[in-house]
Amino acid sequence: MVHISKIAKERLNRVEDVLALGDIVKVICLGKDKIGRINFSIKDMPEEKE
């Protein structure tokens, strides 16, 4: 799962403004937090080169 603050560079009011249920997105793993949860980010993914 990706926290709302890690979806887009700008502030979002609702996840549904950017993503829909079932969307497939690429994420980057940011590591574990203090209690062992794994954190992911969409906005920190490197830009893809065409």
PDB file of N, CA and C in Angstrom:
ATOM      1  N   MET A   1       0.841  -1.176   0.000  1.00  0.00           N
ATOM      2  CA  MET A   1       0.000   0.000   0.000  1.00  0.00           C
ATOM      3  C   MET A   1       0.888   1.241   0.000  1.00  0.00           C
ATOM      4  N   VAL A   2       0.404   2.267  -0.670  1.00  0.00           N
ATOM      5  CA  VAL A   2       1.148   3.520  -0.775  1.00  0.00           C
ATOM      6  C   VAL A   2       0.378   4.597  -0.019  1.00  0.00           C
ATOM      7  N   HIS A   3       1.061   5.290   0.888  1.00  0.00           N
ATOM      8  CA  HIS A   3       0.427   6.375   1.635  1.00  0.00           C
ATOM      9  C   HIS A   3       0.073   7.512   0.675  1.00  0.00           C
ATOM     10  N   ILE A   4      -1.013   8.220   0.944  1.00  0.00           N
ATOM     11  CA  ILE A   4      -1.484   9.302   0.066  1.00  0.00           C
ATOM     12  C   ILE A   4      -0.400  10.358  -0.170  1.00  0.00           C
ATOM     13  N   SER A   5       0.466  10.592   0.807  1.00  0.00           N
ATOM     14  CA  SER A   5       1.522  11.601   0.660  1.00  0.00           C
ATOM     15  C   SER A   5       2.626  11.148  -0.289  1.00  0.00           C
ATOM     16  N   LYS A   6       2.637   9.867  -0.649  1.00  0.00           N
ATOM     17  CA  LYS A   6       3.673   9.326  -1.534  1.00  0.00           C
ATOM     18  C   LYS A   6       3.142   8.986  -2.925  1.00  0.00           C
ATOM     19  N   ILE A   7       1.945   9.490  -3.264  1.00  0.00           N
ATOM     20  CA  ILE A   7       1.357   9.194  -4.577  1.00  0.00           C
ATOM     21  C   ILE A   7       1.751  10.238  -5.608  1.00  0.00           C
ATOM     22  N   ALA A   8       1.644  11.516  -5.257  1.00  0.00           N
ATOM     23  CA  ALA A   8       1.919  12.592  -6.212  1.00  0.00           C
ATOM     24  C   ALA A   8       2.736  13.681  -5.540  1.00  0.00           C
ATOM     25  N   LYS A   9       3.464  14.445  -6.341  1.00  0.00           N
ATOM     26  CA  LYS A   9       4.295  15.520  -5.794  1.00  0.00           C
ATOM     27  C   LYS A   9       3.447  16.641  -5.200  1.00  0.00           C
ATOM     28  N   GLU A  10       2.267  16.877  -5.770  1.00  0.00           N
ATOM     29  CA  GLU A  10       1.377  17.898  -5.211  1.00  0.00           C
ATOM     30  C   GLU A  10       0.448  17.263  -4.174  1.00  0.00           C
ATOM     31  N   ARG A  11      -0.137  18.097  -3.318  1.00  0.00           N
ATOM     32  CA  ARG A  11      -1.018  17.602  -2.266  1.00  0.00           C
ATOM     33  C   ARG A  11      -2.330  17.098  -2.874  1.00  0.00           C
ATOM     34  N   LEU A  12      -2.785  15.934  -2.405  1.00  0.00           N
ATOM     35  CA  LEU A  12      -4.042  15.355  -2.864  1.00  0.00           C
ATOM     36  C   LEU A  12      -5.071  15.404  -1.741  1.00  0.00           C
ATOM     37  N   ASN A  13      -6.317  15.703  -2.110  1.00  0.00           N
ATOM     38  CA  ASN A  13      -7.398  15.613  -1.136  1.00  0.00           C
ATOM     39  C   ASN A  13      -7.952  14.200  -1.090  1.00  0.00           C
ATOM     40  N   ARG A  14      -7.970  13.548  -2.249  1.00  0.00           N
ATOM     41  CA  ARG A  14      -8.514  12.192  -2.337  1.00  0.00           C
ATOM     42  C   ARG A  14      -7.648  11.356  -3.268  1.00  0.00           C
ATOM     43  N   VAL A  15      -7.383  10.125  -2.886  1.00  0.00           N
ATOM     44  CA  VAL A  15      -6.621   9.199  -3.728  1.00  0.00           C
ATOM     45  C   VAL A  15      -7.336   9.002  -5.055  1.00  0.00           C
ATOM     46  N   GLU A  16      -8.661   8.977  -5.006  1.00  0.00           N
ATOM     47  CA  GLU A  16      -9.466   8.738  -6.209  1.00  0.00           C
ATOM     48  C   GLU A  16      -9.307   9.837  -7.260  1.00  0.00           C
ATOM     49  N   ASP A  17      -8.734  10.984  -6.888  1.00  0.00           N
ATOM     50  CA  ASP A  17      -8.473  12.046  -7.863  1.00  0.00           C
ATOM     51  C   ASP A  17      -7.366  11.644  -8.838  1.00  0.00           C
ATOM     52  N   VAL A  18      -6.537  10.679  -8.446  1.00  0.00           N
ATOM     53  CA  VAL A  18      -5.390  10.272  -9.259  1.00  0.00           C
ATOM     54  C   VAL A  18      -5.466   8.808  -9.672  1.00  0.00           C
ATOM     55  N   LEU A  19      -5.928   7.952  -8.757  1.00  0.00           N
ATOM     56  CA  LEU A  19      -5.930   6.505  -8.996  1.00  0.00           C
ATOM     57  C   LEU A  19      -7.341   5.937  -8.889  1.00  0.00           C
ATOM     58  N   ALA A  20      -7.570   4.846  -9.596  1.00  0.00           N
ATOM     59  CA  ALA A  20      -8.839   4.121  -9.502  1.00  0.00           C
ATOM     60  C   ALA A  20      -8.545   2.712  -9.000  1.00  0.00           C
ATOM     61  N   LEU A  21      -9.529   2.109  -8.392  1.00  0.00           N
ATOM     62  CA  LEU A  21      -9.394   0.749  -7.902  1.00  0.00           C
ATOM     63  C   LEU A  21      -8.994  -0.170  -9.057  1.00  0.00           C
ATOM     64  N   GLY A  22      -7.942  -0.939  -8.870  1.00  0.00           N
ATOM     65  CA  GLY A  22      -7.482  -1.852  -9.907  1.00  0.00           C
ATOM     66  C   GLY A  22      -6.362  -1.310 -10.771  1.00  0.00           C
ATOM     67  N   ASP A  23      -6.024  -0.024 -10.625  1.00  0.00           N
ATOM     68  CA  ASP A  23      -4.908   0.538 -11.391  1.00  0.00           C
ATOM     69  C   ASP A  23      -3.615  -0.185 -11.029  1.00  0.00           C
ATOM     70  N   ILE A  24      -2.784  -0.397 -12.019  1.00  0.00           N
ATOM     71  CA  ILE A  24      -1.472  -0.989 -11.796  1.00  0.00           C
ATOM     72  C   ILE A  24      -0.444   0.128 -11.910  1.00  0.00           C
ATOM     73  N   VAL A  25       0.352   0.309 -10.858  1.00  0.00           N
ATOM     74  CA  VAL A  25       1.335   1.394 -10.826  1.00  0.00           C
ATOM     75  C   VAL A  25       2.693   0.838 -10.438  1.00  0.00           C
ATOM     76  N   LYS A  26       3.735   1.532 -10.850  1.00  0.00           N
ATOM     77  CA  LYS A  26       5.091   1.159 -10.442  1.00  0.00           C
ATOM     78  C   LYS A  26       5.429   1.942  -9.180  1.00  0.00           C
ATOM     79  N   VAL A  27       6.067   1.250  -8.240  1.00  0.00           N
ATOM     80  CA  VAL A  27       6.449   1.869  -6.976  1.00  0.00           C
ATOM     81  C   VAL A  27       7.907   1.566  -6.676  1.00  0.00           C
ATOM     82  N   ILE A  28       8.453   2.329  -5.766  1.00  0.00           N
ATOM     83  CA  ILE A  28       9.799   2.074  -5.277  1.00  0.00           C
ATOM     84  C   ILE A  28       9.685   1.797  -3.779  1.00  0.00           C
ATOM     85  N   CYS A  29      10.461   0.843  -3.309  1.00  0.00           N
ATOM     86  CA  CYS A  29      10.467   0.499  -1.888  1.00  0.00           C
ATOM     87  C   CYS A  29      11.391   1.472  -1.160  1.00  0.00           C
ATOM     88  N   LEU A  30      10.856   2.112  -0.115  1.00  0.00           N
ATOM     89  CA  LEU A  30      11.640   3.073   0.659  1.00  0.00           C
ATOM     90  C   LEU A  30      12.258   2.447   1.898  1.00  0.00           C
ATOM     91  N   GLY A  31      11.907   1.212   2.183  1.00  0.00           N
ATOM     92  CA  GLY A  31      12.463   0.528   3.347  1.00  0.00           C
ATOM     93  C   GLY A  31      11.424   0.318   4.427  1.00  0.00           C
ATOM     94  N   LYS A  32      11.890  -0.089   5.599  1.00  0.00           N
ATOM     95  CA  LYS A  32      11.000  -0.369   6.726  1.00  0.00           C
ATOM     96  C   LYS A  32      10.988   0.802   7.698  1.00  0.00           C
ATOM     97  N   ASP A  33       9.842   0.995   8.359  1.00  0.00           N
ATOM     98  CA  ASP A  33       9.783   1.994   9.414  1.00  0.00           C
ATOM     99  C   ASP A  33      10.117   1.341  10.754  1.00  0.00           C
ATOM    100  N   LYS A  34       9.973   2.095  11.845  1.00  0.00           N
ATOM    101  CA  LYS A  34      10.361   1.618  13.175  1.00  0.00           C
ATOM    102  C   LYS A  34       9.608   0.371  13.617  1.00  0.00           C
ATOM    103  N   ILE A  35       8.372   0.214  13.144  1.00  0.00           N
ATOM    104  CA  ILE A  35       7.577  -0.928  13.601  1.00  0.00           C
ATOM    105  C   ILE A  35       7.512  -2.049  12.562  1.00  0.00           C
ATOM    106  N   GLY A  36       8.352  -1.972  11.533  1.00  0.00           N
ATOM    107  CA  GLY A  36       8.487  -3.072  10.592  1.00  0.00           C
ATOM    108  C   GLY A  36       7.623  -3.013   9.356  1.00  0.00           C
ATOM    109  N   ARG A  37       6.866  -1.921   9.168  1.00  0.00           N
ATOM    110  CA  ARG A  37       6.053  -1.801   7.951  1.00  0.00           C
ATOM    111  C   ARG A  37       6.947  -1.403   6.783  1.00  0.00           C
ATOM    112  N   ILE A  38       6.670  -1.953   5.615  1.00  0.00           N
ATOM    113  CA  ILE A  38       7.428  -1.612   4.418  1.00  0.00           C
ATOM    114  C   ILE A  38       6.737  -0.432   3.740  1.00  0.00           C
ATOM    115  N   ASN A  39       7.521   0.605   3.410  1.00  0.00           N
ATOM    116  CA  ASN A  39       6.981   1.816   2.804  1.00  0.00           C
ATOM    117  C   ASN A  39       7.302   1.868   1.319  1.00  0.00           C
ATOM    118  N   PHE A  40       6.302   2.270   0.528  1.00  0.00           N
ATOM    119  CA  PHE A  40       6.439   2.386  -0.916  1.00  0.00           C
ATOM    120  C   PHE A  40       6.100   3.797  -1.360  1.00  0.00           C
ATOM    121  N   SER A  41       6.602   4.203  -2.527  1.00  0.00           N
ATOM    122  CA  SER A  41       6.324   5.524  -3.074  1.00  0.00           C
ATOM    123  C   SER A  41       6.147   5.441  -4.585  1.00  0.00           C
ATOM    124  N   ILE A  42       5.172   6.166  -5.074  1.00  0.00           N
ATOM    125  CA  ILE A  42       4.989   6.321  -6.519  1.00  0.00           C
ATOM    126  C   ILE A  42       5.748   7.558  -6.984  1.00  0.00           C
ATOM    127  N   LYS A  43       5.660   8.655  -6.198  1.00  0.00           N
ATOM    128  CA  LYS A  43       6.249   9.935  -6.629  1.00  0.00           C
ATOM    129  C   LYS A  43       7.766   9.913  -6.652  1.00  0.00           C
ATOM    130  N   ASP A  44       8.398   9.012  -5.920  1.00  0.00           N
ATOM    131  CA  ASP A  44       9.860   8.952  -5.885  1.00  0.00           C
ATOM    132  C   ASP A  44      10.457   7.984  -6.912  1.00  0.00           C
ATOM    133  N   MET A  45       9.588   7.419  -7.761  1.00  0.00           N
ATOM    134  CA  MET A  45      10.081   6.536  -8.835  1.00  0.00           C
ATOM    135  C   MET A  45      10.914   7.352  -9.817  1.00  0.00           C
ATOM    136  N   PRO A  46      12.063   6.832 -10.238  1.00  0.00           N
ATOM    137  CA  PRO A  46      12.828   7.520 -11.266  1.00  0.00           C
ATOM    138  C   PRO A  46      12.020   7.636 -12.567  1.00  0.00           C
ATOM    139  N   GLU A  47      12.216   8.724 -13.279  1.00  0.00           N
ATOM    140  CA  GLU A  47      11.524   8.929 -14.549  1.00  0.00           C
ATOM    141  C   GLU A  47      11.975   7.875 -15.551  1.00  0.00           C
ATOM    142  N   GLU A  48      11.000   7.328 -16.294  1.00  0.00           N
ATOM    143  CA  GLU A  48      11.332   6.342 -17.328  1.00  0.00           C
ATOM    144  C   GLU A  48      11.808   7.056 -18.578  1.00  0.00           C
ATOM    145  N   LYS A  49      12.871   6.540 -19.169  1.00  0.00           N
ATOM    146  CA  LYS A  49      13.385   7.093 -20.428  1.00  0.00           C
ATOM    147  C   LYS A  49      12.794   6.297 -21.564  1.00  0.00           C
ATOM    148  N   GLU A  50      12.383   7.010 -22.599  1.00  0.00           N
ATOM    149  CA  GLU A  50      11.768   6.349 -23.758  1.00  0.00           C
ATOM    150  C   GLU A  50      12.776   5.942 -24.783  1.00  0.00           C
TER     151      GLU A  50
END
